[in-house]
Amino acid sequence: MESELAPFLSAMEQSDTCQSAGRKFHSGTLFGVETVAVCSGGAKVNAAMATQILLSEFLCDYIIMSGVAGGLCSSLAIGDVVVADRVCYHDVDPDNLTFQYPIVPSKYYSADERFTKVNSKAKVGTFACGECFVTGDKRAEIMKNTGAIAVDMESAAVGHVCHANGNSFAVVKTIVDSAAHEPTKNFDAIIAEGSKKAFDAVKQVLDSFDEYTVYRV
């Protein structure tokens, strides 16, 4: 969503915009780092398209996915920042990945561990990715099958494309609904606030990094 991208655009300097595959790509400087920022749109295919464009057309070295997610475990509350140590699909048969061409060694894609170490307040765990909004008993089912603590519609697609291209990636998101808290009012405001918190967590990590070309999807 555009609200998830907004904090990054506000902080970018010397920003130029161009279009590719129906998306606006914003090039500039973020915290002194050469950056290309884009809102991919929801769902796996949109995230995969945006990621491959960033890698192939803009020659980005490093991918950072930021925004909001749903919590799967009851210990996560609305407003908690979660950093992925790995990502996977919850709606794709793992055999399609690990036994069919092009074969990958695991259904999980490992994220950059540096993001799990710098922000001491963030929760760390697996993200599960799929095409549906997850509620009720589906949360427990996904946790059991994947070991995930958070769910979204894009993270595994980003990890999958980065794995295929040999690029590192990170996922930093804020929980906006969870097993114990499902908001029914002011959801847009919760998303905007959550996106800002995820942005702040990304900034904290980037301040500790060496030079990278960074992407937000």
N, C-alpha and C. Protein backbone atom coordinates (compact mmCIF):
# COMPACT_ATOMS: atom_id res chain seq x y z
N MET A 1 0.82 -1.19 0.00
CA MET A 1 0.00 0.00 0.00
C MET A 1 0.87 1.25 0.00
N GLU A 2 0.33 2.33 -0.57
CA GLU A 2 1.10 3.57 -0.64
C GLU A 2 1.46 4.08 0.75
N SER A 3 0.59 3.83 1.73
CA SER A 3 0.89 4.31 3.09
C SER A 3 2.12 3.62 3.67
N GLU A 4 2.41 2.41 3.22
CA GLU A 4 3.59 1.71 3.70
C GLU A 4 4.87 2.31 3.11
N LEU A 5 4.76 2.88 1.93
CA LEU A 5 5.90 3.50 1.26
C LEU A 5 6.14 4.93 1.73
N ALA A 6 5.09 5.60 2.17
CA ALA A 6 5.13 7.04 2.45
C ALA A 6 6.28 7.48 3.35
N PRO A 7 6.58 6.79 4.47
CA PRO A 7 7.67 7.27 5.32
C PRO A 7 9.02 7.29 4.61
N PHE A 8 9.23 6.36 3.69
CA PHE A 8 10.49 6.30 2.96
C PHE A 8 10.60 7.44 1.95
N LEU A 9 9.50 7.73 1.25
CA LEU A 9 9.53 8.82 0.28
C LEU A 9 9.74 10.15 0.97
N SER A 10 9.16 10.31 2.15
CA SER A 10 9.33 11.56 2.89
C SER A 10 10.77 11.79 3.30
N ALA A 11 11.50 10.70 3.53
CA ALA A 11 12.88 10.81 4.00
C ALA A 11 13.91 10.83 2.87
N MET A 12 13.49 10.49 1.65
CA MET A 12 14.43 10.42 0.53
C MET A 12 14.84 11.81 0.06
N GLU A 13 16.09 11.93 -0.36
CA GLU A 13 16.62 13.17 -0.91
C GLU A 13 16.92 12.97 -2.39
N GLN A 14 16.78 14.06 -3.17
CA GLN A 14 17.11 14.05 -4.60
C GLN A 14 16.37 12.91 -5.31
N SER A 15 15.08 12.84 -5.11
CA SER A 15 14.29 11.73 -5.64
C SER A 15 13.83 12.00 -7.07
N ASP A 16 14.05 11.02 -7.94
CA ASP A 16 13.53 11.03 -9.31
C ASP A 16 12.59 9.83 -9.46
N THR A 17 11.61 9.98 -10.32
CA THR A 17 10.61 8.92 -10.49
C THR A 17 10.53 8.48 -11.95
N CYS A 18 10.47 7.16 -12.15
CA CYS A 18 10.23 6.62 -13.48
C CYS A 18 9.26 5.46 -13.36
N GLN A 19 8.72 4.99 -14.48
CA GLN A 19 7.73 3.93 -14.46
C GLN A 19 8.25 2.69 -15.15
N SER A 20 7.86 1.53 -14.61
CA SER A 20 8.17 0.24 -15.23
C SER A 20 7.10 -0.75 -14.77
N ALA A 21 6.53 -1.48 -15.72
CA ALA A 21 5.50 -2.48 -15.42
C ALA A 21 4.36 -1.90 -14.58
N GLY A 22 4.00 -0.67 -14.87
CA GLY A 22 2.87 -0.05 -14.19
C GLY A 22 3.15 0.45 -12.80
N ARG A 23 4.41 0.50 -12.40
CA ARG A 23 4.77 0.93 -11.05
C ARG A 23 5.69 2.15 -11.10
N LYS A 24 5.60 2.98 -10.07
CA LYS A 24 6.48 4.13 -9.95
C LYS A 24 7.69 3.74 -9.10
N PHE A 25 8.87 3.92 -9.66
CA PHE A 25 10.13 3.65 -8.96
C PHE A 25 10.78 4.97 -8.63
N HIS A 26 11.07 5.17 -7.36
CA HIS A 26 11.62 6.43 -6.86
C HIS A 26 13.10 6.23 -6.53
N SER A 27 13.96 6.93 -7.24
CA SER A 27 15.41 6.82 -7.04
C SER A 27 15.92 8.05 -6.31
N GLY A 28 16.76 7.83 -5.32
CA GLY A 28 17.30 8.94 -4.57
C GLY A 28 18.28 8.46 -3.53
N THR A 29 18.40 9.23 -2.45
CA THR A 29 19.31 8.90 -1.36
C THR A 29 18.52 8.80 -0.06
N LEU A 30 18.74 7.73 0.67
CA LEU A 30 18.06 7.51 1.94
C LEU A 30 19.11 7.25 3.02
N PHE A 31 19.22 8.18 3.97
CA PHE A 31 20.22 8.07 5.04
C PHE A 31 21.62 7.92 4.45
N GLY A 32 21.88 8.63 3.34
CA GLY A 32 23.20 8.58 2.72
C GLY A 32 23.43 7.38 1.84
N VAL A 33 22.40 6.55 1.62
CA VAL A 33 22.54 5.34 0.82
C VAL A 33 21.75 5.49 -0.47
N GLU A 34 22.37 5.16 -1.60
CA GLU A 34 21.67 5.18 -2.88
C GLU A 34 20.51 4.20 -2.83
N THR A 35 19.32 4.67 -3.16
CA THR A 35 18.11 3.90 -2.89
C THR A 35 17.13 3.97 -4.06
N VAL A 36 16.43 2.86 -4.30
CA VAL A 36 15.28 2.84 -5.19
C VAL A 36 14.10 2.30 -4.38
N ALA A 37 13.02 3.06 -4.32
CA ALA A 37 11.87 2.69 -3.51
C ALA A 37 10.65 2.52 -4.40
N VAL A 38 9.83 1.51 -4.09
CA VAL A 38 8.64 1.23 -4.89
C VAL A 38 7.59 0.56 -4.02
N CYS A 39 6.33 0.84 -4.32
CA CYS A 39 5.22 0.09 -3.74
C CYS A 39 4.85 -1.00 -4.74
N SER A 40 5.10 -2.24 -4.38
CA SER A 40 4.92 -3.34 -5.33
C SER A 40 3.46 -3.63 -5.60
N GLY A 41 2.60 -3.38 -4.61
CA GLY A 41 1.24 -3.89 -4.65
C GLY A 41 1.19 -5.22 -3.93
N GLY A 42 0.00 -5.58 -3.45
CA GLY A 42 -0.14 -6.80 -2.68
C GLY A 42 -0.08 -8.04 -3.55
N ALA A 43 0.20 -9.17 -2.92
CA ALA A 43 0.23 -10.50 -3.53
C ALA A 43 1.61 -10.84 -4.07
N LYS A 44 1.84 -12.14 -4.17
CA LYS A 44 3.17 -12.65 -4.48
C LYS A 44 3.67 -12.23 -5.85
N VAL A 45 2.82 -12.31 -6.85
CA VAL A 45 3.30 -12.01 -8.20
C VAL A 45 3.71 -10.54 -8.32
N ASN A 46 3.00 -9.64 -7.66
CA ASN A 46 3.37 -8.23 -7.69
C ASN A 46 4.71 -8.00 -7.01
N ALA A 47 4.90 -8.63 -5.85
CA ALA A 47 6.17 -8.48 -5.14
C ALA A 47 7.32 -9.06 -5.96
N ALA A 48 7.09 -10.21 -6.60
CA ALA A 48 8.14 -10.83 -7.41
C ALA A 48 8.51 -9.96 -8.60
N MET A 49 7.50 -9.39 -9.26
CA MET A 49 7.75 -8.51 -10.41
C MET A 49 8.58 -7.31 -10.00
N ALA A 50 8.17 -6.65 -8.93
CA ALA A 50 8.88 -5.46 -8.49
C ALA A 50 10.31 -5.78 -8.09
N THR A 51 10.49 -6.91 -7.41
CA THR A 51 11.83 -7.29 -6.97
C THR A 51 12.74 -7.56 -8.17
N GLN A 52 12.26 -8.31 -9.16
CA GLN A 52 13.09 -8.61 -10.31
C GLN A 52 13.43 -7.36 -11.11
N ILE A 53 12.51 -6.42 -11.21
CA ILE A 53 12.80 -5.16 -11.89
C ILE A 53 13.90 -4.40 -11.17
N LEU A 54 13.83 -4.36 -9.85
CA LEU A 54 14.86 -3.66 -9.08
C LEU A 54 16.23 -4.29 -9.28
N LEU A 55 16.26 -5.60 -9.35
CA LEU A 55 17.54 -6.29 -9.51
C LEU A 55 18.06 -6.19 -10.95
N SER A 56 17.18 -6.31 -11.92
CA SER A 56 17.60 -6.38 -13.32
C SER A 56 17.75 -5.00 -13.97
N GLU A 57 16.79 -4.11 -13.71
CA GLU A 57 16.81 -2.80 -14.35
C GLU A 57 17.57 -1.75 -13.55
N PHE A 58 17.41 -1.80 -12.23
CA PHE A 58 18.06 -0.80 -11.39
C PHE A 58 19.35 -1.30 -10.75
N LEU A 59 19.65 -2.57 -10.94
CA LEU A 59 20.89 -3.19 -10.45
C LEU A 59 21.07 -3.01 -8.95
N CYS A 60 19.98 -3.14 -8.21
CA CYS A 60 20.07 -3.05 -6.75
C CYS A 60 20.87 -4.22 -6.19
N ASP A 61 21.63 -3.94 -5.17
CA ASP A 61 22.47 -4.96 -4.53
C ASP A 61 21.75 -5.68 -3.40
N TYR A 62 20.78 -5.00 -2.81
CA TYR A 62 20.21 -5.47 -1.55
C TYR A 62 18.74 -5.09 -1.52
N ILE A 63 17.91 -6.00 -1.04
CA ILE A 63 16.46 -5.77 -1.00
C ILE A 63 15.96 -5.71 0.44
N ILE A 64 15.23 -4.65 0.75
CA ILE A 64 14.58 -4.55 2.06
C ILE A 64 13.08 -4.41 1.85
N MET A 65 12.34 -5.30 2.45
CA MET A 65 10.89 -5.23 2.39
C MET A 65 10.37 -4.72 3.73
N SER A 66 9.58 -3.65 3.66
CA SER A 66 9.08 -3.03 4.89
C SER A 66 7.59 -2.77 4.75
N GLY A 67 6.90 -2.75 5.88
CA GLY A 67 5.46 -2.49 5.85
C GLY A 67 4.76 -3.11 7.04
N VAL A 68 3.61 -3.75 6.80
CA VAL A 68 2.82 -4.31 7.88
C VAL A 68 2.51 -5.77 7.62
N ALA A 69 2.18 -6.50 8.68
CA ALA A 69 1.92 -7.93 8.60
C ALA A 69 0.91 -8.33 9.66
N GLY A 70 0.45 -9.57 9.59
CA GLY A 70 -0.43 -10.13 10.60
C GLY A 70 0.34 -11.03 11.55
N GLY A 71 -0.04 -11.03 12.80
CA GLY A 71 0.61 -11.90 13.79
C GLY A 71 -0.08 -13.24 13.88
N LEU A 72 0.69 -14.29 13.99
CA LEU A 72 0.13 -15.64 14.10
C LEU A 72 0.08 -16.14 15.54
N CYS A 73 1.04 -15.74 16.34
CA CYS A 73 1.09 -16.24 17.72
C CYS A 73 0.50 -15.21 18.67
N SER A 74 -0.07 -15.67 19.75
CA SER A 74 -0.78 -14.79 20.69
C SER A 74 0.14 -13.82 21.41
N SER A 75 1.44 -14.10 21.43
CA SER A 75 2.38 -13.21 22.12
C SER A 75 2.66 -11.94 21.34
N LEU A 76 2.30 -11.91 20.05
CA LEU A 76 2.49 -10.70 19.25
C LEU A 76 1.28 -9.79 19.39
N ALA A 77 1.56 -8.52 19.64
CA ALA A 77 0.50 -7.53 19.79
C ALA A 77 0.58 -6.53 18.65
N ILE A 78 -0.50 -5.82 18.43
CA ILE A 78 -0.51 -4.76 17.43
C ILE A 78 0.55 -3.72 17.79
N GLY A 79 1.38 -3.38 16.82
CA GLY A 79 2.46 -2.42 17.04
C GLY A 79 3.83 -3.05 17.23
N ASP A 80 3.89 -4.37 17.43
CA ASP A 80 5.18 -5.05 17.55
C ASP A 80 5.89 -5.07 16.20
N VAL A 81 7.18 -4.78 16.21
CA VAL A 81 8.00 -4.88 15.00
C VAL A 81 8.59 -6.27 14.93
N VAL A 82 8.46 -6.91 13.77
CA VAL A 82 8.96 -8.27 13.57
C VAL A 82 9.96 -8.27 12.42
N VAL A 83 11.09 -8.91 12.64
CA VAL A 83 12.14 -9.06 11.63
C VAL A 83 12.23 -10.53 11.25
N ALA A 84 12.25 -10.81 9.97
CA ALA A 84 12.29 -12.20 9.51
C ALA A 84 13.71 -12.76 9.58
N ASP A 85 13.82 -13.99 10.14
CA ASP A 85 15.07 -14.72 9.99
C ASP A 85 15.01 -15.64 8.77
N ARG A 86 13.78 -15.95 8.34
CA ARG A 86 13.56 -16.72 7.12
C ARG A 86 12.11 -16.52 6.69
N VAL A 87 11.84 -16.83 5.43
CA VAL A 87 10.49 -16.68 4.89
C VAL A 87 10.12 -17.95 4.13
N CYS A 88 8.81 -18.20 4.02
CA CYS A 88 8.33 -19.36 3.27
C CYS A 88 6.91 -19.09 2.79
N TYR A 89 6.42 -19.94 1.89
CA TYR A 89 5.03 -19.89 1.45
C TYR A 89 4.19 -20.78 2.36
N HIS A 90 2.95 -20.36 2.60
CA HIS A 90 2.04 -21.26 3.32
C HIS A 90 0.98 -21.84 2.41
N ASP A 91 0.98 -21.41 1.13
CA ASP A 91 -0.03 -21.90 0.20
C ASP A 91 0.57 -22.50 -1.07
N VAL A 92 1.84 -22.93 -0.98
CA VAL A 92 2.51 -23.59 -2.09
C VAL A 92 3.03 -24.94 -1.60
N ASP A 93 2.78 -25.99 -2.37
CA ASP A 93 3.29 -27.32 -2.04
C ASP A 93 4.81 -27.30 -2.06
N PRO A 94 5.47 -27.58 -0.93
CA PRO A 94 6.94 -27.53 -0.91
C PRO A 94 7.60 -28.41 -1.98
N ASP A 95 6.94 -29.50 -2.37
CA ASP A 95 7.51 -30.37 -3.40
C ASP A 95 7.67 -29.62 -4.72
N ASN A 96 6.84 -28.63 -4.97
CA ASN A 96 6.98 -27.85 -6.19
C ASN A 96 8.26 -27.03 -6.20
N LEU A 97 8.81 -26.80 -5.02
CA LEU A 97 10.04 -26.02 -4.90
C LEU A 97 11.28 -26.89 -4.78
N THR A 98 11.17 -27.97 -4.00
CA THR A 98 12.36 -28.76 -3.66
C THR A 98 12.58 -30.00 -4.52
N PHE A 99 11.58 -30.36 -5.32
CA PHE A 99 11.73 -31.56 -6.16
C PHE A 99 11.49 -31.32 -7.64
N GLN A 100 11.12 -30.08 -8.02
CA GLN A 100 10.90 -29.77 -9.41
C GLN A 100 11.79 -28.62 -9.85
N TYR A 101 12.17 -28.62 -11.10
CA TYR A 101 13.06 -27.60 -11.65
C TYR A 101 12.40 -26.24 -11.63
N PRO A 102 13.16 -25.15 -11.27
CA PRO A 102 14.52 -25.19 -10.76
C PRO A 102 14.52 -25.50 -9.26
N ILE A 103 15.21 -26.54 -8.87
CA ILE A 103 15.16 -27.05 -7.50
C ILE A 103 15.85 -26.09 -6.53
N VAL A 104 15.20 -25.88 -5.38
CA VAL A 104 15.80 -25.14 -4.27
C VAL A 104 16.00 -26.11 -3.11
N PRO A 105 17.01 -25.89 -2.26
CA PRO A 105 17.32 -26.87 -1.22
C PRO A 105 16.30 -26.94 -0.10
N SER A 106 15.48 -25.91 0.06
CA SER A 106 14.55 -25.86 1.19
C SER A 106 13.36 -24.99 0.83
N LYS A 107 12.25 -25.20 1.53
CA LYS A 107 11.09 -24.33 1.31
C LYS A 107 11.27 -22.98 1.99
N TYR A 108 12.32 -22.85 2.80
CA TYR A 108 12.60 -21.60 3.49
C TYR A 108 13.72 -20.83 2.78
N TYR A 109 13.59 -19.51 2.77
CA TYR A 109 14.62 -18.62 2.24
C TYR A 109 15.15 -17.79 3.41
N SER A 110 16.43 -17.88 3.66
CA SER A 110 17.02 -17.21 4.82
C SER A 110 17.25 -15.73 4.54
N ALA A 111 16.86 -14.89 5.50
CA ALA A 111 17.05 -13.45 5.38
C ALA A 111 18.39 -13.05 5.99
N ASP A 112 18.79 -11.82 5.73
CA ASP A 112 20.05 -11.31 6.25
C ASP A 112 19.99 -11.24 7.77
N GLU A 113 20.90 -11.94 8.42
CA GLU A 113 20.85 -12.04 9.88
C GLU A 113 21.21 -10.74 10.57
N ARG A 114 21.84 -9.80 9.88
CA ARG A 114 22.20 -8.54 10.53
C ARG A 114 20.96 -7.77 10.99
N PHE A 115 19.86 -7.91 10.28
CA PHE A 115 18.64 -7.23 10.69
C PHE A 115 18.09 -7.82 11.98
N THR A 116 18.41 -9.06 12.28
CA THR A 116 17.91 -9.69 13.50
C THR A 116 18.73 -9.32 14.72
N LYS A 117 19.88 -8.69 14.52
CA LYS A 117 20.80 -8.44 15.63
C LYS A 117 20.84 -7.00 16.09
N VAL A 118 20.57 -6.05 15.17
CA VAL A 118 20.76 -4.65 15.51
C VAL A 118 19.62 -4.09 16.34
N ASN A 119 18.38 -4.39 15.97
CA ASN A 119 17.22 -3.84 16.68
C ASN A 119 16.81 -4.79 17.80
N SER A 120 17.23 -4.49 19.00
CA SER A 120 17.00 -5.39 20.14
C SER A 120 15.53 -5.47 20.54
N LYS A 121 14.71 -4.49 20.17
CA LYS A 121 13.30 -4.49 20.55
C LYS A 121 12.42 -5.27 19.58
N ALA A 122 12.93 -5.57 18.41
CA ALA A 122 12.13 -6.29 17.42
C ALA A 122 12.04 -7.76 17.75
N LYS A 123 10.91 -8.36 17.43
CA LYS A 123 10.75 -9.80 17.54
C LYS A 123 11.32 -10.44 16.27
N VAL A 124 11.91 -11.62 16.40
CA VAL A 124 12.55 -12.29 15.27
C VAL A 124 11.88 -13.63 15.04
N GLY A 125 11.60 -13.96 13.79
CA GLY A 125 10.99 -15.25 13.50
C GLY A 125 10.69 -15.42 12.03
N THR A 126 10.02 -16.51 11.71
CA THR A 126 9.69 -16.86 10.33
C THR A 126 8.43 -16.13 9.87
N PHE A 127 8.47 -15.65 8.62
CA PHE A 127 7.29 -15.10 7.96
C PHE A 127 6.75 -16.14 7.00
N ALA A 128 5.43 -16.36 7.02
CA ALA A 128 4.76 -17.21 6.05
C ALA A 128 3.96 -16.33 5.10
N CYS A 129 4.02 -16.64 3.82
CA CYS A 129 3.46 -15.78 2.80
C CYS A 129 2.40 -16.51 2.00
N GLY A 130 1.27 -15.86 1.74
CA GLY A 130 0.21 -16.46 0.94
C GLY A 130 -0.76 -15.42 0.43
N GLU A 131 -1.73 -15.85 -0.37
CA GLU A 131 -2.60 -14.93 -1.09
C GLU A 131 -3.86 -14.52 -0.33
N CYS A 132 -4.06 -15.01 0.88
CA CYS A 132 -5.31 -14.72 1.57
C CYS A 132 -5.06 -14.00 2.89
N PHE A 133 -6.09 -13.27 3.35
CA PHE A 133 -6.05 -12.72 4.70
C PHE A 133 -6.27 -13.88 5.68
N VAL A 134 -5.48 -13.93 6.72
CA VAL A 134 -5.50 -15.06 7.64
C VAL A 134 -6.22 -14.66 8.93
N THR A 135 -7.23 -15.43 9.28
CA THR A 135 -7.98 -15.19 10.51
C THR A 135 -8.32 -16.53 11.16
N GLY A 136 -8.78 -16.45 12.40
CA GLY A 136 -9.32 -17.62 13.10
C GLY A 136 -8.37 -18.81 13.15
N ASP A 137 -8.94 -20.00 12.91
CA ASP A 137 -8.18 -21.24 13.03
C ASP A 137 -7.05 -21.37 12.01
N LYS A 138 -7.14 -20.59 10.93
CA LYS A 138 -6.10 -20.66 9.90
C LYS A 138 -4.75 -20.23 10.46
N ARG A 139 -4.76 -19.35 11.46
CA ARG A 139 -3.50 -18.92 12.07
C ARG A 139 -2.75 -20.10 12.67
N ALA A 140 -3.46 -20.91 13.46
CA ALA A 140 -2.84 -22.06 14.12
C ALA A 140 -2.35 -23.08 13.09
N GLU A 141 -3.11 -23.25 12.03
CA GLU A 141 -2.72 -24.21 10.99
C GLU A 141 -1.41 -23.79 10.32
N ILE A 142 -1.30 -22.51 10.00
CA ILE A 142 -0.07 -22.02 9.36
C ILE A 142 1.11 -22.11 10.31
N MET A 143 0.91 -21.76 11.58
CA MET A 143 1.99 -21.88 12.56
C MET A 143 2.48 -23.31 12.65
N LYS A 144 1.56 -24.27 12.69
CA LYS A 144 1.93 -25.67 12.80
C LYS A 144 2.70 -26.15 11.57
N ASN A 145 2.28 -25.73 10.40
CA ASN A 145 2.88 -26.22 9.16
C ASN A 145 4.20 -25.55 8.81
N THR A 146 4.40 -24.32 9.29
CA THR A 146 5.57 -23.56 8.86
C THR A 146 6.47 -23.09 9.99
N GLY A 147 5.95 -23.05 11.22
CA GLY A 147 6.72 -22.49 12.32
C GLY A 147 6.76 -20.97 12.31
N ALA A 148 5.92 -20.35 11.49
CA ALA A 148 5.94 -18.90 11.34
C ALA A 148 5.29 -18.20 12.54
N ILE A 149 5.73 -16.96 12.78
CA ILE A 149 5.11 -16.13 13.81
C ILE A 149 4.34 -14.97 13.19
N ALA A 150 4.56 -14.71 11.90
CA ALA A 150 3.88 -13.61 11.21
C ALA A 150 3.53 -14.04 9.80
N VAL A 151 2.54 -13.36 9.23
CA VAL A 151 2.05 -13.74 7.91
C VAL A 151 1.85 -12.48 7.06
N ASP A 152 2.14 -12.61 5.77
CA ASP A 152 1.88 -11.52 4.83
C ASP A 152 1.63 -12.11 3.45
N MET A 153 1.61 -11.25 2.42
CA MET A 153 1.32 -11.71 1.07
C MET A 153 2.49 -11.54 0.11
N GLU A 154 3.66 -11.14 0.62
CA GLU A 154 4.75 -10.80 -0.29
C GLU A 154 6.13 -11.35 0.07
N SER A 155 6.41 -11.58 1.33
CA SER A 155 7.79 -11.80 1.78
C SER A 155 8.48 -12.98 1.11
N ALA A 156 7.80 -14.12 0.98
CA ALA A 156 8.44 -15.29 0.39
C ALA A 156 8.74 -15.08 -1.09
N ALA A 157 7.89 -14.33 -1.77
CA ALA A 157 8.15 -14.03 -3.17
C ALA A 157 9.41 -13.20 -3.32
N VAL A 158 9.59 -12.22 -2.43
CA VAL A 158 10.81 -11.42 -2.44
C VAL A 158 12.03 -12.30 -2.15
N GLY A 159 11.91 -13.14 -1.11
CA GLY A 159 13.01 -14.04 -0.78
C GLY A 159 13.33 -15.01 -1.90
N HIS A 160 12.30 -15.51 -2.56
CA HIS A 160 12.47 -16.46 -3.66
C HIS A 160 13.24 -15.82 -4.81
N VAL A 161 12.84 -14.63 -5.22
CA VAL A 161 13.51 -13.93 -6.32
C VAL A 161 14.95 -13.58 -5.94
N CYS A 162 15.16 -13.13 -4.71
CA CYS A 162 16.52 -12.80 -4.28
C CYS A 162 17.40 -14.04 -4.27
N HIS A 163 16.85 -15.16 -3.81
CA HIS A 163 17.61 -16.41 -3.82
C HIS A 163 18.02 -16.78 -5.24
N ALA A 164 17.10 -16.66 -6.19
CA ALA A 164 17.39 -17.02 -7.57
C ALA A 164 18.46 -16.13 -8.19
N ASN A 165 18.53 -14.87 -7.72
CA ASN A 165 19.49 -13.92 -8.27
C ASN A 165 20.77 -13.80 -7.46
N GLY A 166 20.81 -14.48 -6.31
CA GLY A 166 22.00 -14.42 -5.47
C GLY A 166 22.13 -13.13 -4.68
N ASN A 167 21.01 -12.48 -4.36
CA ASN A 167 21.03 -11.24 -3.60
C ASN A 167 20.51 -11.45 -2.18
N SER A 168 21.03 -10.67 -1.26
CA SER A 168 20.55 -10.71 0.12
C SER A 168 19.27 -9.88 0.25
N PHE A 169 18.48 -10.23 1.27
CA PHE A 169 17.25 -9.48 1.49
C PHE A 169 16.94 -9.45 2.98
N ALA A 170 16.04 -8.54 3.35
CA ALA A 170 15.54 -8.45 4.72
C ALA A 170 14.06 -8.11 4.68
N VAL A 171 13.35 -8.53 5.72
CA VAL A 171 11.93 -8.22 5.87
C VAL A 171 11.72 -7.63 7.26
N VAL A 172 11.19 -6.43 7.31
CA VAL A 172 10.92 -5.74 8.57
C VAL A 172 9.49 -5.22 8.52
N LYS A 173 8.62 -5.74 9.37
CA LYS A 173 7.22 -5.34 9.32
C LYS A 173 6.66 -5.15 10.74
N THR A 174 5.60 -4.36 10.80
CA THR A 174 4.91 -4.11 12.05
C THR A 174 3.58 -4.87 12.05
N ILE A 175 3.25 -5.49 13.18
CA ILE A 175 2.01 -6.25 13.30
C ILE A 175 0.83 -5.29 13.42
N VAL A 176 -0.18 -5.51 12.54
CA VAL A 176 -1.38 -4.66 12.59
C VAL A 176 -2.64 -5.45 12.93
N ASP A 177 -2.53 -6.78 12.96
CA ASP A 177 -3.59 -7.61 13.53
C ASP A 177 -2.96 -8.89 14.01
N SER A 178 -3.55 -9.54 14.97
CA SER A 178 -2.92 -10.71 15.56
C SER A 178 -3.98 -11.67 16.08
N ALA A 179 -3.52 -12.81 16.59
CA ALA A 179 -4.45 -13.80 17.13
C ALA A 179 -5.26 -13.24 18.28
N ALA A 180 -4.67 -12.34 19.04
CA ALA A 180 -5.35 -11.79 20.20
C ALA A 180 -6.01 -10.43 19.93
N HIS A 181 -5.60 -9.79 18.83
CA HIS A 181 -6.10 -8.44 18.55
C HIS A 181 -6.41 -8.31 17.06
N GLU A 182 -7.68 -8.26 16.72
CA GLU A 182 -8.09 -8.03 15.34
C GLU A 182 -8.84 -6.70 15.27
N PRO A 183 -8.17 -5.66 14.79
CA PRO A 183 -8.80 -4.33 14.80
C PRO A 183 -9.99 -4.25 13.86
N THR A 184 -11.00 -3.54 14.26
CA THR A 184 -12.19 -3.36 13.43
C THR A 184 -12.42 -1.89 13.08
N LYS A 185 -11.73 -0.99 13.79
CA LYS A 185 -11.89 0.43 13.54
C LYS A 185 -10.52 1.06 13.34
N ASN A 186 -10.50 2.14 12.55
CA ASN A 186 -9.29 2.93 12.33
C ASN A 186 -8.14 2.08 11.78
N PHE A 187 -8.47 1.11 10.92
CA PHE A 187 -7.43 0.22 10.42
C PHE A 187 -6.42 0.97 9.57
N ASP A 188 -6.89 1.96 8.79
CA ASP A 188 -5.97 2.75 7.96
C ASP A 188 -4.96 3.49 8.83
N ALA A 189 -5.43 4.00 9.96
CA ALA A 189 -4.52 4.71 10.87
C ALA A 189 -3.52 3.75 11.49
N ILE A 190 -3.97 2.54 11.81
CA ILE A 190 -3.08 1.54 12.37
C ILE A 190 -2.00 1.16 11.36
N ILE A 191 -2.38 1.02 10.09
CA ILE A 191 -1.41 0.70 9.05
C ILE A 191 -0.39 1.82 8.88
N ALA A 192 -0.85 3.06 8.88
CA ALA A 192 0.06 4.19 8.73
C ALA A 192 1.05 4.26 9.89
N GLU A 193 0.54 4.06 11.11
CA GLU A 193 1.42 4.08 12.29
C GLU A 193 2.39 2.90 12.26
N GLY A 194 1.89 1.73 11.86
CA GLY A 194 2.75 0.55 11.78
C GLY A 194 3.84 0.71 10.74
N SER A 195 3.51 1.32 9.61
CA SER A 195 4.49 1.54 8.55
C SER A 195 5.60 2.47 9.03
N LYS A 196 5.24 3.47 9.82
CA LYS A 196 6.25 4.39 10.37
C LYS A 196 7.17 3.66 11.33
N LYS A 197 6.63 2.76 12.15
CA LYS A 197 7.46 2.01 13.08
C LYS A 197 8.43 1.09 12.33
N ALA A 198 7.94 0.45 11.25
CA ALA A 198 8.82 -0.39 10.45
C ALA A 198 9.92 0.45 9.80
N PHE A 199 9.56 1.62 9.33
CA PHE A 199 10.54 2.55 8.75
C PHE A 199 11.63 2.89 9.76
N ASP A 200 11.23 3.21 10.99
CA ASP A 200 12.20 3.55 12.03
C ASP A 200 13.15 2.38 12.30
N ALA A 201 12.62 1.16 12.27
CA ALA A 201 13.47 -0.02 12.49
C ALA A 201 14.45 -0.20 11.34
N VAL A 202 14.01 0.04 10.12
CA VAL A 202 14.92 -0.05 8.97
C VAL A 202 16.02 0.99 9.09
N LYS A 203 15.67 2.21 9.45
CA LYS A 203 16.66 3.27 9.59
C LYS A 203 17.73 2.89 10.61
N GLN A 204 17.30 2.31 11.73
CA GLN A 204 18.26 1.93 12.77
C GLN A 204 19.28 0.92 12.23
N VAL A 205 18.82 -0.01 11.42
CA VAL A 205 19.74 -1.01 10.88
C VAL A 205 20.63 -0.41 9.80
N LEU A 206 20.07 0.41 8.93
CA LEU A 206 20.86 1.00 7.86
C LEU A 206 21.99 1.87 8.40
N ASP A 207 21.73 2.50 9.52
CA ASP A 207 22.77 3.34 10.14
C ASP A 207 23.99 2.52 10.54
N SER A 208 23.81 1.20 10.68
CA SER A 208 24.92 0.35 11.10
C SER A 208 25.55 -0.40 9.93
N PHE A 209 24.97 -0.24 8.74
CA PHE A 209 25.45 -0.98 7.56
C PHE A 209 26.56 -0.23 6.85
N ASP A 210 27.30 -0.99 6.03
CA ASP A 210 28.19 -0.39 5.07
C ASP A 210 27.34 0.08 3.89
N GLU A 211 27.97 0.46 2.77
CA GLU A 211 27.23 0.97 1.63
C GLU A 211 26.45 -0.14 0.95
N TYR A 212 25.17 0.13 0.73
CA TYR A 212 24.30 -0.79 0.01
C TYR A 212 23.34 0.01 -0.86
N THR A 213 22.87 -0.58 -1.91
CA THR A 213 21.73 -0.06 -2.63
C THR A 213 20.52 -0.75 -2.07
N VAL A 214 19.55 0.03 -1.64
CA VAL A 214 18.45 -0.49 -0.83
C VAL A 214 17.12 -0.34 -1.54
N TYR A 215 16.25 -1.26 -1.27
CA TYR A 215 14.91 -1.26 -1.87
C TYR A 215 13.86 -1.53 -0.83
N ARG A 216 12.76 -0.80 -0.95
CA ARG A 216 11.61 -1.05 -0.10
C ARG A 216 10.44 -1.46 -0.98
N VAL A 217 9.80 -2.59 -0.70
CA VAL A 217 8.65 -3.02 -1.50
C VAL A 217 7.39 -3.06 -0.65
